[in-house]
Each structure stands twice: as structure tokens, then as C-alpha cells.
Amino acid sequence: MTNKKSEENLFLDMMKDTPVFILDGRIFYGRENENSFIVKEGPKLEVIERIFRSSNKEIKEYLNGIFKVQNKGSVLENFVLNQVIPYLDNSIDLEGILGKGKLKEEKEETSMEVSEREIKEARGLVEEKLKIPNFDFNNFAVYNNNVYEINEAKKGAVSIAGKHYALNKALSLEEFKKIYQKKLIASQVEAILPEYVLKNKINLDKNKKPTSKEYGYRKKADGTISVWVKVKDYVLKSPSNKEYYLFSGHRLAIDIGWRNHAFLSEQPHPLESVSGPFYGGGLCMGSYSFSFLEREPSGRNFAKVLLDARNVVYRGYTPGCAPMHRLEDFHSHIISNERIAREKLDVTNVNRNHSNRGE
């Protein structure tokens, strides 16, 4: 936490010099009188606590600190599932969003609703990290740098409203300050947890894992994730010799990493061994600029990079382009018009717009 007042808690520091008794959440200030105390009623404890509460921003920073101890892969996986994958769904149609430079606007990144299960899991993780011991924060006493349990008794050192209470030492004031601070944090977290979970999507929703054969992802040993789209069998027509060349379908991927935010770990590349005029280990995208992704590393833009890459594979071979390999060098890939018609193959670079160059 960055709130100095909240960390040191001036209210607890004051207890070093003034005996304080908390009974049913009400503060009573004490003064020693031989072997007992004379007490004076004060405000409710919750009124004092409000003074030391942190802002929502500071509590969110604390939550970020808690959830950073989780595997970064889970945060990245949620980003992929909830922010990238939705833009790959229903995007296989060549006349759809490929090469248009824009993705379907009807897909909203923040359209997910927070379920009670997600809230419960997030709350459980907060409680696990805070590890607040079992303590009655509505009934205790602070005296002489120690904290005491306070219990009603026939005779006791403290008399409040005609009742006697006995004191049993529980822990030191310094120890208590640590758990009391956690208690203050926990009381504030609950109010903003739904908003926080919605924004950060801490918990994985197992039901959202993609099952489509047209797109997907796989986690890598280095902590990054390969997000891929399916490239179906496609035919390219040579502008020079007018021949048709068939190339096999495969999966085309980008690798995404996480370092405070998502970043492009590896540019577009095939997941299988393939050949084609724009392949040479990875995928050559010519003068395509990734600067828009650096400016705004959103799920929408990662999906755009991947779909623009597939557009290069399908449509990049046009008059005036300079591919890594000439189509004429792929003699064994030549097919006839009859086969194209019979197998209903798509000649993807004929009457199509060429690849988008990024932004």
C-alpha cells in the first residue's frame, strides 16, 4: 500500500499512550485508576476506520500486488481468451473482415459479465493472500503496547455500563497493527471487487476456451502463448504465366507475451512446415507496420495483426509485389482449372484487395 497514514494507522499509534477498549464495535477511552480503569464512551470504531481508509485506486494497486503472485500465464491466457479470441470468431469468410483494416465493431471487449463464481474465486484469493487470523475485531482492548481479548466476567478490571470485563493478553500491539491493516483492506476490497474482476478478468472461465478448428491457442514453455488461425487450402494465380498454384492449409500464429501488458513476442509464423511465396521460416509481410500495436496493445489489434497476416498468405501475390519466392518456382504446385472447379478451391488473389499494410 502507498498510503502512509493507512500503513502506520495513527489511531493505533495513539493507543500506545491511551488505554482503549472496543466493545460491540464501540470505542471506550480509558484512564487508569489504581487496579481498574475509568472509561469514557467514544464513537463507533467504523467511524474512526473511515479516516484511515485508502482510495479505490490504492486498493486496486494492492489487489494488483496480490494477483501478481499468480502465474503471469493465467493473466495472459485470460487476455487471449477474452480480448483476442472473440475477434477471430466467425471471421473466416474472405469477403468479411480480412484485409479491410478494421475488425467488426459489434464485438465489444468489455461485453463479459462477472459471474458470482468469479467474484467468489477472487474473494477467496484475496483472503488467502491476506491470511487474516481469527480475531474478534468488535471486542478487544489495547493497553500498554499489548492487545487483549475482552470478555464479560463477574469481576474484572473494566466496568462499562454496569458490566465487568476481564482482559486476556492476545498479542503485541505491533503484531496486531499488521493484521488490523489487513482487516481494513479486506473491508474495502469487497465493494470494488466486481468492478476489478470485470476490468482485469482475473479468473479463467473454463467454458470460454475455444473449441473451433478455425482458431485457437497454445501455451509455450517460455510463458508466452501462440494464438493461431486456420489457413485453408488456397490457390494463387501467377500474373506472369497465368498458371494456378495450390498450397496446403496450415495454422498461422503470432506469439503474445505479458509484461505489465500484452506484447508481440513473435511475429506471424506457421505452426507447421509449409511452403509458399511469402514463407521463409516466418512469414514475410513486406512493409507492414506493427506500430499501431505498440501504441495500443489491445486484443482487437492483436487479432488484426493475425488476420492481416493470413490476408498476406491468401492475397499478397499481386502484380507489382516482391515475394520471397516466385510462384513460377513452385512447379509441383501447378493445378488445372478443372481441378479447381471440381474441388471448389478458392483462387484467393484474383479479384481481391491486396494485403493491408497495418497502421
Foldseek 3Di string as FASTA:
>chain_A
DPQPCLLVVVVLVVLLPWKWWFAQQWIWTWDDDPQATDTDTDGGNVVSLVVNADDPVVLLVVLVVLLVVPQVLLLVVCQCLQWAVVQQPPQPDPPADFQVQATDPVDDSLPDADDPVNLVVSLVSLCVVLVQDDDDPRGWMRHNQFIWGKDWDPADRYADPRTHIHTHTDGGSVVVSSNVSSVSSSVPCSVCSRVSCSVRVSDDDVVSQDPDPQWHWDADPVSKIKTWGKQAWAWAAAPPPRFIFIWHIFIKTWIWHDDVHIDTPGAIATPDDTDDQQDDRGGDPDQADPVVCVVPVTSRSNNNRNSLSSLCRQAVNDPPDDTNDHPVVPVVRTDDPVVCVVVVHYHRRPPDDHGDRYD
